[in-house]
Amino acid sequence: MASRSSIVLATVMLAALFAVGFCTTPLTFQVGKGSKPGHLILTPNVATISDVEIKEHGGDDFSFTLKEGPTGTWTLDTKAPLKYPLCIRFAVKSGGYRIADDVIPADFKAGTTYKTTLSI
């Protein structure tokens, strides 16, 4: 029969494994300074994303691809102002795509961080 301390140790270890397995970071995007309706700079709070794309409000598909900058920023320049709010689709480097709906509002402010309902 297992000793009481062995059972407590096993319980603590299982709880730690369970907690580590569910540790995730809530995903946010900061709108960079200098952003305006046709020029968007986004900085996610995690470095594990790639292939960032935008879908405009009322759009049928993700028709704008952002370019990755050297400092973890993603930039988009368009000739016409974008139609906000924007949905963001991105690849997670560990695999798969995620979509954050209506993250950047029509009345966004440069320097503001917008929360998503996703965790990475």
PDB file of N, CA and C in Angstrom:
ATOM      1  N   MET A   1       0.835  -1.166   0.000  1.00  0.00           N
ATOM      2  CA  MET A   1       0.000   0.000   0.000  1.00  0.00           C
ATOM      3  C   MET A   1       0.887   1.238   0.000  1.00  0.00           C
ATOM      4  N   ALA A   2       0.503   2.259  -0.782  1.00  0.00           N
ATOM      5  CA  ALA A   2       1.275   3.486  -0.902  1.00  0.00           C
ATOM      6  C   ALA A   2       1.155   4.314   0.370  1.00  0.00           C
ATOM      7  N   SER A   3       2.249   4.974   0.695  1.00  0.00           N
ATOM      8  CA  SER A   3       2.217   5.837   1.874  1.00  0.00           C
ATOM      9  C   SER A   3       1.454   7.118   1.558  1.00  0.00           C
ATOM     10  N   ARG A   4       1.034   7.752   2.615  1.00  0.00           N
ATOM     11  CA  ARG A   4       0.268   8.994   2.459  1.00  0.00           C
ATOM     12  C   ARG A   4       1.093  10.053   1.734  1.00  0.00           C
ATOM     13  N   SER A   5       2.392  10.161   2.022  1.00  0.00           N
ATOM     14  CA  SER A   5       3.234  11.162   1.364  1.00  0.00           C
ATOM     15  C   SER A   5       3.392  10.845  -0.125  1.00  0.00           C
ATOM     16  N   SER A   6       3.411   9.585  -0.505  1.00  0.00           N
ATOM     17  CA  SER A   6       3.501   9.206  -1.920  1.00  0.00           C
ATOM     18  C   SER A   6       2.237   9.616  -2.667  1.00  0.00           C
ATOM     19  N   ILE A   7       1.090   9.455  -2.037  1.00  0.00           N
ATOM     20  CA  ILE A   7      -0.176   9.831  -2.661  1.00  0.00           C
ATOM     21  C   ILE A   7      -0.247  11.351  -2.830  1.00  0.00           C
ATOM     22  N   VAL A   8       0.178  12.085  -1.795  1.00  0.00           N
ATOM     23  CA  VAL A   8       0.172  13.544  -1.879  1.00  0.00           C
ATOM     24  C   VAL A   8       1.132  14.005  -2.976  1.00  0.00           C
ATOM     25  N   LEU A   9       2.317  13.419  -3.048  1.00  0.00           N
ATOM     26  CA  LEU A   9       3.293  13.783  -4.066  1.00  0.00           C
ATOM     27  C   LEU A   9       2.743  13.501  -5.466  1.00  0.00           C
ATOM     28  N   ALA A  10       2.126  12.351  -5.656  1.00  0.00           N
ATOM     29  CA  ALA A  10       1.549  12.005  -6.956  1.00  0.00           C
ATOM     30  C   ALA A  10       0.431  12.972  -7.330  1.00  0.00           C
ATOM     31  N   THR A  11      -0.373  13.358  -6.374  1.00  0.00           N
ATOM     32  CA  THR A  11      -1.460  14.309  -6.634  1.00  0.00           C
ATOM     33  C   THR A  11      -0.906  15.664  -7.036  1.00  0.00           C
ATOM     34  N   VAL A  12       0.121  16.124  -6.338  1.00  0.00           N
ATOM     35  CA  VAL A  12       0.738  17.414  -6.654  1.00  0.00           C
ATOM     36  C   VAL A  12       1.367  17.374  -8.050  1.00  0.00           C
ATOM     37  N   MET A  13       2.013  16.290  -8.393  1.00  0.00           N
ATOM     38  CA  MET A  13       2.642  16.170  -9.711  1.00  0.00           C
ATOM     39  C   MET A  13       1.593  16.166 -10.816  1.00  0.00           C
ATOM     40  N   LEU A  14       0.497  15.452 -10.622  1.00  0.00           N
ATOM     41  CA  LEU A  14      -0.569  15.440 -11.619  1.00  0.00           C
ATOM     42  C   LEU A  14      -1.195  16.819 -11.785  1.00  0.00           C
ATOM     43  N   ALA A  15      -1.395  17.509 -10.688  1.00  0.00           N
ATOM     44  CA  ALA A  15      -1.957  18.856 -10.756  1.00  0.00           C
ATOM     45  C   ALA A  15      -1.020  19.793 -11.513  1.00  0.00           C
ATOM     46  N   ALA A  16       0.289  19.673 -11.281  1.00  0.00           N
ATOM     47  CA  ALA A  16       1.267  20.510 -11.976  1.00  0.00           C
ATOM     48  C   ALA A  16       1.267  20.214 -13.476  1.00  0.00           C
ATOM     49  N   LEU A  17       1.232  18.950 -13.847  1.00  0.00           N
ATOM     50  CA  LEU A  17       1.177  18.579 -15.260  1.00  0.00           C
ATOM     51  C   LEU A  17      -0.093  19.102 -15.917  1.00  0.00           C
ATOM     52  N   PHE A  18      -1.201  19.018 -15.231  1.00  0.00           N
ATOM     53  CA  PHE A  18      -2.472  19.504 -15.744  1.00  0.00           C
ATOM     54  C   PHE A  18      -2.413  21.012 -15.955  1.00  0.00           C
ATOM     55  N   ALA A  19      -1.868  21.736 -14.991  1.00  0.00           N
ATOM     56  CA  ALA A  19      -1.777  23.188 -15.083  1.00  0.00           C
ATOM     57  C   ALA A  19      -0.859  23.617 -16.213  1.00  0.00           C
ATOM     58  N   VAL A  20       0.289  22.970 -16.386  1.00  0.00           N
ATOM     59  CA  VAL A  20       1.220  23.306 -17.459  1.00  0.00           C
ATOM     60  C   VAL A  20       0.584  23.030 -18.812  1.00  0.00           C
ATOM     61  N   GLY A  21      -0.160  21.965 -18.926  1.00  0.00           N
ATOM     62  CA  GLY A  21      -0.821  21.624 -20.175  1.00  0.00           C
ATOM     63  C   GLY A  21      -1.843  22.655 -20.607  1.00  0.00           C
ATOM     64  N   PHE A  22      -2.389  23.402 -19.684  1.00  0.00           N
ATOM     65  CA  PHE A  22      -3.407  24.384 -20.004  1.00  0.00           C
ATOM     66  C   PHE A  22      -2.927  25.827 -19.861  1.00  0.00           C
ATOM     67  N   CYS A  23      -1.621  26.019 -19.638  1.00  0.00           N
ATOM     68  CA  CYS A  23      -1.087  27.375 -19.571  1.00  0.00           C
ATOM     69  C   CYS A  23      -1.050  27.952 -20.970  1.00  0.00           C
ATOM     70  N   THR A  24      -1.749  29.018 -21.182  1.00  0.00           N
ATOM     71  CA  THR A  24      -1.767  29.683 -22.468  1.00  0.00           C
ATOM     72  C   THR A  24      -1.724  31.185 -22.251  1.00  0.00           C
ATOM     73  N   THR A  25      -1.370  31.878 -23.301  1.00  0.00           N
ATOM     74  CA  THR A  25      -1.293  33.326 -23.245  1.00  0.00           C
ATOM     75  C   THR A  25      -2.461  33.912 -24.023  1.00  0.00           C
ATOM     76  N   PRO A  26      -3.251  34.781 -23.417  1.00  0.00           N
ATOM     77  CA  PRO A  26      -4.320  35.454 -24.165  1.00  0.00           C
ATOM     78  C   PRO A  26      -3.694  36.303 -25.283  1.00  0.00           C
ATOM     79  N   LEU A  27      -4.209  36.195 -26.480  1.00  0.00           N
ATOM     80  CA  LEU A  27      -3.653  36.891 -27.631  1.00  0.00           C
ATOM     81  C   LEU A  27      -4.196  38.310 -27.725  1.00  0.00           C
ATOM     82  N   THR A  28      -3.291  39.273 -27.886  1.00  0.00           N
ATOM     83  CA  THR A  28      -3.666  40.664 -28.100  1.00  0.00           C
ATOM     84  C   THR A  28      -2.903  41.199 -29.310  1.00  0.00           C
ATOM     85  N   PHE A  29      -3.442  42.252 -29.898  1.00  0.00           N
ATOM     86  CA  PHE A  29      -2.776  42.962 -30.984  1.00  0.00           C
ATOM     87  C   PHE A  29      -2.736  44.430 -30.623  1.00  0.00           C
ATOM     88  N   GLN A  30      -1.540  45.008 -30.667  1.00  0.00           N
ATOM     89  CA  GLN A  30      -1.419  46.443 -30.461  1.00  0.00           C
ATOM     90  C   GLN A  30      -1.383  47.112 -31.841  1.00  0.00           C
ATOM     91  N   VAL A  31      -2.170  48.165 -32.001  1.00  0.00           N
ATOM     92  CA  VAL A  31      -2.142  48.948 -33.231  1.00  0.00           C
ATOM     93  C   VAL A  31      -1.000  49.948 -33.092  1.00  0.00           C
ATOM     94  N   GLY A  32      -0.050  49.869 -34.028  1.00  0.00           N
ATOM     95  CA  GLY A  32       1.154  50.679 -33.950  1.00  0.00           C
ATOM     96  C   GLY A  32       0.935  52.146 -34.236  1.00  0.00           C
ATOM     97  N   LYS A  33       1.826  52.963 -33.702  1.00  0.00           N
ATOM     98  CA  LYS A  33       1.783  54.403 -33.952  1.00  0.00           C
ATOM     99  C   LYS A  33       1.970  54.649 -35.443  1.00  0.00           C
ATOM    100  N   GLY A  34       1.230  55.571 -35.971  1.00  0.00           N
ATOM    101  CA  GLY A  34       1.279  55.853 -37.399  1.00  0.00           C
ATOM    102  C   GLY A  34       0.215  55.108 -38.184  1.00  0.00           C
ATOM    103  N   SER A  35      -0.532  54.235 -37.508  1.00  0.00           N
ATOM    104  CA  SER A  35      -1.617  53.518 -38.193  1.00  0.00           C
ATOM    105  C   SER A  35      -2.759  54.472 -38.492  1.00  0.00           C
ATOM    106  N   LYS A  36      -3.389  54.261 -39.623  1.00  0.00           N
ATOM    107  CA  LYS A  36      -4.561  55.022 -40.043  1.00  0.00           C
ATOM    108  C   LYS A  36      -5.396  54.093 -40.910  1.00  0.00           C
ATOM    109  N   PRO A  37      -6.556  54.503 -41.372  1.00  0.00           N
ATOM    110  CA  PRO A  37      -7.459  53.577 -42.075  1.00  0.00           C
ATOM    111  C   PRO A  37      -6.840  52.773 -43.224  1.00  0.00           C
ATOM    112  N   GLY A  38      -5.862  53.303 -43.972  1.00  0.00           N
ATOM    113  CA  GLY A  38      -5.245  52.563 -45.065  1.00  0.00           C
ATOM    114  C   GLY A  38      -3.833  52.093 -44.781  1.00  0.00           C
ATOM    115  N   HIS A  39      -3.325  52.337 -43.592  1.00  0.00           N
ATOM    116  CA  HIS A  39      -1.976  51.921 -43.187  1.00  0.00           C
ATOM    117  C   HIS A  39      -2.083  51.330 -41.783  1.00  0.00           C
ATOM    118  N   LEU A  40      -1.880  50.035 -41.694  1.00  0.00           N
ATOM    119  CA  LEU A  40      -2.084  49.347 -40.424  1.00  0.00           C
ATOM    120  C   LEU A  40      -0.794  48.672 -39.981  1.00  0.00           C
ATOM    121  N   ILE A  41      -0.433  48.904 -38.737  1.00  0.00           N
ATOM    122  CA  ILE A  41       0.718  48.248 -38.121  1.00  0.00           C
ATOM    123  C   ILE A  41       0.196  47.497 -36.907  1.00  0.00           C
ATOM    124  N   LEU A  42       0.402  46.186 -36.876  1.00  0.00           N
ATOM    125  CA  LEU A  42      -0.046  45.361 -35.750  1.00  0.00           C
ATOM    126  C   LEU A  42       1.147  44.696 -35.092  1.00  0.00           C
ATOM    127  N   THR A  43       1.110  44.650 -33.775  1.00  0.00           N
ATOM    128  CA  THR A  43       2.127  43.935 -33.014  1.00  0.00           C
ATOM    129  C   THR A  43       1.415  42.966 -32.081  1.00  0.00           C
ATOM    130  N   PRO A  44       1.511  41.655 -32.365  1.00  0.00           N
ATOM    131  CA  PRO A  44       0.908  40.678 -31.457  1.00  0.00           C
ATOM    132  C   PRO A  44       1.780  40.539 -30.209  1.00  0.00           C
ATOM    133  N   ASN A  45       1.174  40.070 -29.136  1.00  0.00           N
ATOM    134  CA  ASN A  45       1.929  39.911 -27.894  1.00  0.00           C
ATOM    135  C   ASN A  45       2.664  38.568 -27.824  1.00  0.00           C
ATOM    136  N   VAL A  46       2.572  37.771 -28.871  1.00  0.00           N
ATOM    137  CA  VAL A  46       3.296  36.498 -28.937  1.00  0.00           C
ATOM    138  C   VAL A  46       4.070  36.433 -30.248  1.00  0.00           C
ATOM    139  N   ALA A  47       5.174  35.691 -30.250  1.00  0.00           N
ATOM    140  CA  ALA A  47       6.006  35.574 -31.452  1.00  0.00           C
ATOM    141  C   ALA A  47       5.731  34.280 -32.208  1.00  0.00           C
ATOM    142  N   THR A  48       4.718  33.557 -31.803  1.00  0.00           N
ATOM    143  CA  THR A  48       4.476  32.239 -32.393  1.00  0.00           C
ATOM    144  C   THR A  48       3.438  32.259 -33.507  1.00  0.00           C
ATOM    145  N   ILE A  49       3.218  33.424 -34.133  1.00  0.00           N
ATOM    146  CA  ILE A  49       2.254  33.476 -35.224  1.00  0.00           C
ATOM    147  C   ILE A  49       2.952  33.866 -36.523  1.00  0.00           C
ATOM    148  N   SER A  50       2.344  33.483 -37.627  1.00  0.00           N
ATOM    149  CA  SER A  50       2.864  33.831 -38.955  1.00  0.00           C
ATOM    150  C   SER A  50       1.693  33.934 -39.918  1.00  0.00           C
ATOM    151  N   ASP A  51       1.984  34.328 -41.148  1.00  0.00           N
ATOM    152  CA  ASP A  51       0.975  34.411 -42.209  1.00  0.00           C
ATOM    153  C   ASP A  51      -0.279  35.169 -41.762  1.00  0.00           C
ATOM    154  N   VAL A  52      -0.113  36.426 -41.415  1.00  0.00           N
ATOM    155  CA  VAL A  52      -1.224  37.238 -40.917  1.00  0.00           C
ATOM    156  C   VAL A  52      -2.005  37.821 -42.094  1.00  0.00           C
ATOM    157  N   GLU A  53      -3.327  37.635 -42.048  1.00  0.00           N
ATOM    158  CA  GLU A  53      -4.213  38.135 -43.094  1.00  0.00           C
ATOM    159  C   GLU A  53      -5.396  38.866 -42.463  1.00  0.00           C
ATOM    160  N   ILE A  54      -5.987  39.781 -43.235  1.00  0.00           N
ATOM    161  CA  ILE A  54      -7.085  40.612 -42.764  1.00  0.00           C
ATOM    162  C   ILE A  54      -8.315  40.404 -43.643  1.00  0.00           C
ATOM    163  N   LYS A  55      -9.469  40.374 -42.996  1.00  0.00           N
ATOM    164  CA  LYS A  55     -10.750  40.415 -43.713  1.00  0.00           C
ATOM    165  C   LYS A  55     -11.472  41.669 -43.250  1.00  0.00           C
ATOM    166  N   GLU A  56     -11.915  42.462 -44.225  1.00  0.00           N
ATOM    167  CA  GLU A  56     -12.648  43.684 -43.911  1.00  0.00           C
ATOM    168  C   GLU A  56     -14.063  43.352 -43.462  1.00  0.00           C
ATOM    169  N   HIS A  57     -14.678  44.309 -42.787  1.00  0.00           N
ATOM    170  CA  HIS A  57     -16.075  44.176 -42.389  1.00  0.00           C
ATOM    171  C   HIS A  57     -16.939  43.978 -43.631  1.00  0.00           C
ATOM    172  N   GLY A  58     -17.758  42.949 -43.615  1.00  0.00           N
ATOM    173  CA  GLY A  58     -18.627  42.643 -44.739  1.00  0.00           C
ATOM    174  C   GLY A  58     -17.947  41.873 -45.850  1.00  0.00           C
ATOM    175  N   GLY A  59     -16.637  41.608 -45.706  1.00  0.00           N
ATOM    176  CA  GLY A  59     -15.898  40.883 -46.743  1.00  0.00           C
ATOM    177  C   GLY A  59     -16.173  39.388 -46.700  1.00  0.00           C
ATOM    178  N   ASP A  60     -15.956  38.745 -47.834  1.00  0.00           N
ATOM    179  CA  ASP A  60     -16.171  37.302 -47.931  1.00  0.00           C
ATOM    180  C   ASP A  60     -14.920  36.484 -47.664  1.00  0.00           C
ATOM    181  N   ASP A  61     -13.756  37.113 -47.813  1.00  0.00           N
ATOM    182  CA  ASP A  61     -12.523  36.350 -47.622  1.00  0.00           C
ATOM    183  C   ASP A  61     -11.422  37.232 -47.030  1.00  0.00           C
ATOM    184  N   PHE A  62     -10.337  36.586 -46.683  1.00  0.00           N
ATOM    185  CA  PHE A  62      -9.178  37.273 -46.117  1.00  0.00           C
ATOM    186  C   PHE A  62      -8.308  37.722 -47.291  1.00  0.00           C
ATOM    187  N   SER A  63      -8.580  38.910 -47.802  1.00  0.00           N
ATOM    188  CA  SER A  63      -7.975  39.350 -49.050  1.00  0.00           C
ATOM    189  C   SER A  63      -6.743  40.237 -48.882  1.00  0.00           C
ATOM    190  N   PHE A  64      -6.353  40.538 -47.661  1.00  0.00           N
ATOM    191  CA  PHE A  64      -5.176  41.367 -47.432  1.00  0.00           C
ATOM    192  C   PHE A  64      -4.156  40.595 -46.603  1.00  0.00           C
ATOM    193  N   THR A  65      -2.930  40.517 -47.105  1.00  0.00           N
ATOM    194  CA  THR A  65      -1.852  39.833 -46.400  1.00  0.00           C
ATOM    195  C   THR A  65      -0.896  40.875 -45.841  1.00  0.00           C
ATOM    196  N   LEU A  66      -0.611  40.778 -44.557  1.00  0.00           N
ATOM    197  CA  LEU A  66       0.304  41.710 -43.922  1.00  0.00           C
ATOM    198  C   LEU A  66       1.737  41.221 -44.089  1.00  0.00           C
ATOM    199  N   LYS A  67       2.674  42.173 -44.138  1.00  0.00           N
ATOM    200  CA  LYS A  67       4.091  41.843 -44.258  1.00  0.00           C
ATOM    201  C   LYS A  67       4.723  41.870 -42.876  1.00  0.00           C
ATOM    202  N   GLU A  68       5.535  40.855 -42.608  1.00  0.00           N
ATOM    203  CA  GLU A  68       6.208  40.775 -41.311  1.00  0.00           C
ATOM    204  C   GLU A  68       7.426  41.680 -41.298  1.00  0.00           C
ATOM    205  N   GLY A  69       7.552  42.456 -40.245  1.00  0.00           N
ATOM    206  CA  GLY A  69       8.704  43.332 -40.077  1.00  0.00           C
ATOM    207  C   GLY A  69       9.746  42.685 -39.168  1.00  0.00           C
ATOM    208  N   PRO A  70      10.898  43.281 -39.063  1.00  0.00           N
ATOM    209  CA  PRO A  70      11.985  42.687 -38.270  1.00  0.00           C
ATOM    210  C   PRO A  70      11.768  42.750 -36.764  1.00  0.00           C
ATOM    211  N   THR A  71      10.842  43.548 -36.293  1.00  0.00           N
ATOM    212  CA  THR A  71      10.653  43.720 -34.848  1.00  0.00           C
ATOM    213  C   THR A  71       9.369  43.080 -34.337  1.00  0.00           C
ATOM    214  N   GLY A  72       8.862  42.061 -35.055  1.00  0.00           N
ATOM    215  CA  GLY A  72       7.642  41.398 -34.611  1.00  0.00           C
ATOM    216  C   GLY A  72       6.383  42.147 -34.976  1.00  0.00           C
ATOM    217  N   THR A  73       6.505  43.094 -35.916  1.00  0.00           N
ATOM    218  CA  THR A  73       5.331  43.842 -36.363  1.00  0.00           C
ATOM    219  C   THR A  73       4.832  43.279 -37.682  1.00  0.00           C
ATOM    220  N   TRP A  74       3.578  43.536 -37.957  1.00  0.00           N
ATOM    221  CA  TRP A  74       2.932  43.132 -39.209  1.00  0.00           C
ATOM    222  C   TRP A  74       2.305  44.377 -39.797  1.00  0.00           C
ATOM    223  N   THR A  75       2.590  44.668 -41.086  1.00  0.00           N
ATOM    224  CA  THR A  75       2.180  45.914 -41.702  1.00  0.00           C
ATOM    225  C   THR A  75       1.367  45.683 -42.969  1.00  0.00           C
ATOM    226  N   LEU A  76       0.388  46.553 -43.187  1.00  0.00           N
ATOM    227  CA  LEU A  76      -0.438  46.526 -44.387  1.00  0.00           C
ATOM    228  C   LEU A  76      -0.631  47.954 -44.873  1.00  0.00           C
ATOM    229  N   ASP A  77      -0.389  48.167 -46.172  1.00  0.00           N
ATOM    230  CA  ASP A  77      -0.664  49.445 -46.818  1.00  0.00           C
ATOM    231  C   ASP A  77      -1.664  49.197 -47.934  1.00  0.00           C
ATOM    232  N   THR A  78      -2.745  49.971 -47.954  1.00  0.00           N
ATOM    233  CA  THR A  78      -3.752  49.857 -48.997  1.00  0.00           C
ATOM    234  C   THR A  78      -3.982  51.235 -49.616  1.00  0.00           C
ATOM    235  N   LYS A  79      -4.465  51.243 -50.855  1.00  0.00           N
ATOM    236  CA  LYS A  79      -4.752  52.520 -51.529  1.00  0.00           C
ATOM    237  C   LYS A  79      -6.017  53.153 -50.961  1.00  0.00           C
ATOM    238  N   ALA A  80      -7.003  52.327 -50.647  1.00  0.00           N
ATOM    239  CA  ALA A  80      -8.270  52.824 -50.092  1.00  0.00           C
ATOM    240  C   ALA A  80      -8.333  52.466 -48.607  1.00  0.00           C
ATOM    241  N   PRO A  81      -9.042  53.253 -47.815  1.00  0.00           N
ATOM    242  CA  PRO A  81      -9.207  52.917 -46.395  1.00  0.00           C
ATOM    243  C   PRO A  81      -9.878  51.553 -46.225  1.00  0.00           C
ATOM    244  N   LEU A  82      -9.456  50.825 -45.225  1.00  0.00           N
ATOM    245  CA  LEU A  82     -10.069  49.530 -44.916  1.00  0.00           C
ATOM    246  C   LEU A  82     -11.437  49.741 -44.291  1.00  0.00           C
ATOM    247  N   LYS A  83     -12.272  48.722 -44.407  1.00  0.00           N
ATOM    248  CA  LYS A  83     -13.602  48.754 -43.791  1.00  0.00           C
ATOM    249  C   LYS A  83     -13.526  48.001 -42.465  1.00  0.00           C
ATOM    250  N   TYR A  84     -13.677  48.726 -41.395  1.00  0.00           N
ATOM    251  CA  TYR A  84     -13.560  48.175 -40.047  1.00  0.00           C
ATOM    252  C   TYR A  84     -14.926  47.787 -39.519  1.00  0.00           C
ATOM    253  N   PRO A  85     -14.996  46.909 -38.514  1.00  0.00           N
ATOM    254  CA  PRO A  85     -13.931  46.218 -37.782  1.00  0.00           C
ATOM    255  C   PRO A  85     -13.283  45.129 -38.638  1.00  0.00           C
ATOM    256  N   LEU A  86     -12.043  44.786 -38.281  1.00  0.00           N
ATOM    257  CA  LEU A  86     -11.270  43.819 -39.032  1.00  0.00           C
ATOM    258  C   LEU A  86     -11.191  42.479 -38.320  1.00  0.00           C
ATOM    259  N   CYS A  87     -11.265  41.411 -39.106  1.00  0.00           N
ATOM    260  CA  CYS A  87     -10.999  40.061 -38.608  1.00  0.00           C
ATOM    261  C   CYS A  87      -9.560  39.725 -38.991  1.00  0.00           C
ATOM    262  N   ILE A  88      -8.876  38.999 -38.137  1.00  0.00           N
ATOM    263  CA  ILE A  88      -7.481  38.630 -38.384  1.00  0.00           C
ATOM    264  C   ILE A  88      -7.376  37.107 -38.403  1.00  0.00           C
ATOM    265  N   ARG A  89      -6.773  36.582 -39.480  1.00  0.00           N
ATOM    266  CA  ARG A  89      -6.473  35.146 -39.550  1.00  0.00           C
ATOM    267  C   ARG A  89      -4.953  35.009 -39.569  1.00  0.00           C
ATOM    268  N   PHE A  90      -4.453  34.032 -38.833  1.00  0.00           N
ATOM    269  CA  PHE A  90      -3.008  33.844 -38.756  1.00  0.00           C
ATOM    270  C   PHE A  90      -2.699  32.374 -38.533  1.00  0.00           C
ATOM    271  N   ALA A  91      -1.503  31.995 -38.917  1.00  0.00           N
ATOM    272  CA  ALA A  91      -1.025  30.638 -38.676  1.00  0.00           C
ATOM    273  C   ALA A  91      -0.288  30.626 -37.344  1.00  0.00           C
ATOM    274  N   VAL A  92      -0.480  29.549 -36.622  1.00  0.00           N
ATOM    275  CA  VAL A  92       0.260  29.339 -35.385  1.00  0.00           C
ATOM    276  C   VAL A  92       1.443  28.463 -35.744  1.00  0.00           C
ATOM    277  N   LYS A  93       2.639  28.865 -35.347  1.00  0.00           N
ATOM    278  CA  LYS A  93       3.845  28.144 -35.755  1.00  0.00           C
ATOM    279  C   LYS A  93       3.843  26.687 -35.315  1.00  0.00           C
ATOM    280  N   SER A  94       3.076  26.367 -34.283  1.00  0.00           N
ATOM    281  CA  SER A  94       2.987  24.972 -33.847  1.00  0.00           C
ATOM    282  C   SER A  94       1.989  24.186 -34.693  1.00  0.00           C
ATOM    283  N   GLY A  95       1.255  24.877 -35.576  1.00  0.00           N
ATOM    284  CA  GLY A  95       0.340  24.215 -36.497  1.00  0.00           C
ATOM    285  C   GLY A  95      -1.059  24.777 -36.466  1.00  0.00           C
ATOM    286  N   GLY A  96      -1.653  24.897 -37.639  1.00  0.00           N
ATOM    287  CA  GLY A  96      -3.037  25.321 -37.765  1.00  0.00           C
ATOM    288  C   GLY A  96      -3.214  26.815 -37.882  1.00  0.00           C
ATOM    289  N   TYR A  97      -4.410  27.195 -38.284  1.00  0.00           N
ATOM    290  CA  TYR A  97      -4.790  28.597 -38.406  1.00  0.00           C
ATOM    291  C   TYR A  97      -5.817  28.949 -37.344  1.00  0.00           C
ATOM    292  N   ARG A  98      -5.812  30.212 -36.941  1.00  0.00           N
ATOM    293  CA  ARG A  98      -6.800  30.727 -35.999  1.00  0.00           C
ATOM    294  C   ARG A  98      -7.398  31.993 -36.590  1.00  0.00           C
ATOM    295  N   ILE A  99      -8.622  32.302 -36.193  1.00  0.00           N
ATOM    296  CA  ILE A  99      -9.284  33.520 -36.639  1.00  0.00           C
ATOM    297  C   ILE A  99      -9.776  34.291 -35.423  1.00  0.00           C
ATOM    298  N   ALA A 100      -9.421  35.566 -35.389  1.00  0.00           N
ATOM    299  CA  ALA A 100      -9.895  36.475 -34.350  1.00  0.00           C
ATOM    300  C   ALA A 100     -10.871  37.430 -35.019  1.00  0.00           C
ATOM    301  N   ASP A 101     -12.143  37.307 -34.675  1.00  0.00           N
ATOM    302  CA  ASP A 101     -13.197  38.107 -35.309  1.00  0.00           C
ATOM    303  C   ASP A 101     -13.293  39.508 -34.725  1.00  0.00           C
ATOM    304  N   ASP A 102     -13.448  40.478 -35.617  1.00  0.00           N
ATOM    305  CA  ASP A 102     -13.717  41.873 -35.244  1.00  0.00           C
ATOM    306  C   ASP A 102     -12.792  42.395 -34.147  1.00  0.00           C
ATOM    307  N   VAL A 103     -11.496  42.184 -34.344  1.00  0.00           N
ATOM    308  CA  VAL A 103     -10.516  42.574 -33.326  1.00  0.00           C
ATOM    309  C   VAL A 103     -10.230  44.073 -33.346  1.00  0.00           C
ATOM    310  N   ILE A 104     -10.002  44.607 -34.526  1.00  0.00           N
ATOM    311  CA  ILE A 104      -9.637  46.015 -34.629  1.00  0.00           C
ATOM    312  C   ILE A 104     -10.897  46.803 -34.992  1.00  0.00           C
ATOM    313  N   PRO A 105     -11.381  47.648 -34.083  1.00  0.00           N
ATOM    314  CA  PRO A 105     -12.652  48.365 -34.316  1.00  0.00           C
ATOM    315  C   PRO A 105     -12.479  49.544 -35.277  1.00  0.00           C
ATOM    316  N   ALA A 106     -13.595  50.048 -35.759  1.00  0.00           N
ATOM    317  CA  ALA A 106     -13.601  51.184 -36.680  1.00  0.00           C
ATOM    318  C   ALA A 106     -13.001  52.432 -36.031  1.00  0.00           C
ATOM    319  N   ASP A 107     -13.169  52.577 -34.750  1.00  0.00           N
ATOM    320  CA  ASP A 107     -12.655  53.758 -34.057  1.00  0.00           C
ATOM    321  C   ASP A 107     -11.344  53.467 -33.321  1.00  0.00           C
ATOM    322  N   PHE A 108     -10.505  52.589 -33.916  1.00  0.00           N
ATOM    323  CA  PHE A 108      -9.257  52.214 -33.251  1.00  0.00           C
ATOM    324  C   PHE A 108      -8.386  53.443 -33.011  1.00  0.00           C
ATOM    325  N   LYS A 109      -7.521  53.308 -32.029  1.00  0.00           N
ATOM    326  CA  LYS A 109      -6.571  54.365 -31.716  1.00  0.00           C
ATOM    327  C   LYS A 109      -5.169  53.759 -31.751  1.00  0.00           C
ATOM    328  N   ALA A 110      -4.267  54.426 -32.472  1.00  0.00           N
ATOM    329  CA  ALA A 110      -2.883  53.965 -32.529  1.00  0.00           C
ATOM    330  C   ALA A 110      -2.310  53.919 -31.114  1.00  0.00           C
ATOM    331  N   GLY A 111      -1.562  52.875 -30.839  1.00  0.00           N
ATOM    332  CA  GLY A 111      -0.977  52.682 -29.515  1.00  0.00           C
ATOM    333  C   GLY A 111      -1.847  51.876 -28.572  1.00  0.00           C
ATOM    334  N   THR A 112      -3.076  51.568 -28.992  1.00  0.00           N
ATOM    335  CA  THR A 112      -4.005  50.809 -28.155  1.00  0.00           C
ATOM    336  C   THR A 112      -3.845  49.324 -28.412  1.00  0.00           C
ATOM    337  N   THR A 113      -3.973  48.528 -27.359  1.00  0.00           N
ATOM    338  CA  THR A 113      -3.920  47.071 -27.463  1.00  0.00           C
ATOM    339  C   THR A 113      -5.337  46.530 -27.406  1.00  0.00           C
ATOM    340  N   TYR A 114      -5.657  45.657 -28.373  1.00  0.00           N
ATOM    341  CA  TYR A 114      -6.992  45.070 -28.469  1.00  0.00           C
ATOM    342  C   TYR A 114      -6.899  43.583 -28.164  1.00  0.00           C
ATOM    343  N   LYS A 115      -7.768  43.121 -27.267  1.00  0.00           N
ATOM    344  CA  LYS A 115      -7.783  41.733 -26.823  1.00  0.00           C
ATOM    345  C   LYS A 115      -8.621  40.886 -27.776  1.00  0.00           C
ATOM    346  N   THR A 116      -8.202  39.645 -27.938  1.00  0.00           N
ATOM    347  CA  THR A 116      -8.997  38.675 -28.683  1.00  0.00           C
ATOM    348  C   THR A 116      -9.566  37.678 -27.670  1.00  0.00           C
ATOM    349  N   THR A 117     -10.412  36.798 -28.132  1.00  0.00           N
ATOM    350  CA  THR A 117     -10.929  35.741 -27.270  1.00  0.00           C
ATOM    351  C   THR A 117     -10.070  34.490 -27.384  1.00  0.00           C
ATOM    352  N   LEU A 118      -8.956  34.574 -28.111  1.00  0.00           N
ATOM    353  CA  LEU A 118      -8.091  33.426 -28.347  1.00  0.00           C
ATOM    354  C   LEU A 118      -6.941  33.388 -27.369  1.00  0.00           C
ATOM    355  N   SER A 119      -6.447  32.192 -27.128  1.00  0.00           N
ATOM    356  CA  SER A 119      -5.233  31.998 -26.338  1.00  0.00           C
ATOM    357  C   SER A 119      -4.275  31.146 -27.157  1.00  0.00           C
ATOM    358  N   ILE A 120      -3.012  31.472 -27.060  1.00  0.00           N
ATOM    359  CA  ILE A 120      -1.979  30.756 -27.815  1.00  0.00           C
ATOM    360  C   ILE A 120      -1.076  30.031 -26.847  1.00  0.00           C
TER     361      ILE A 120
END
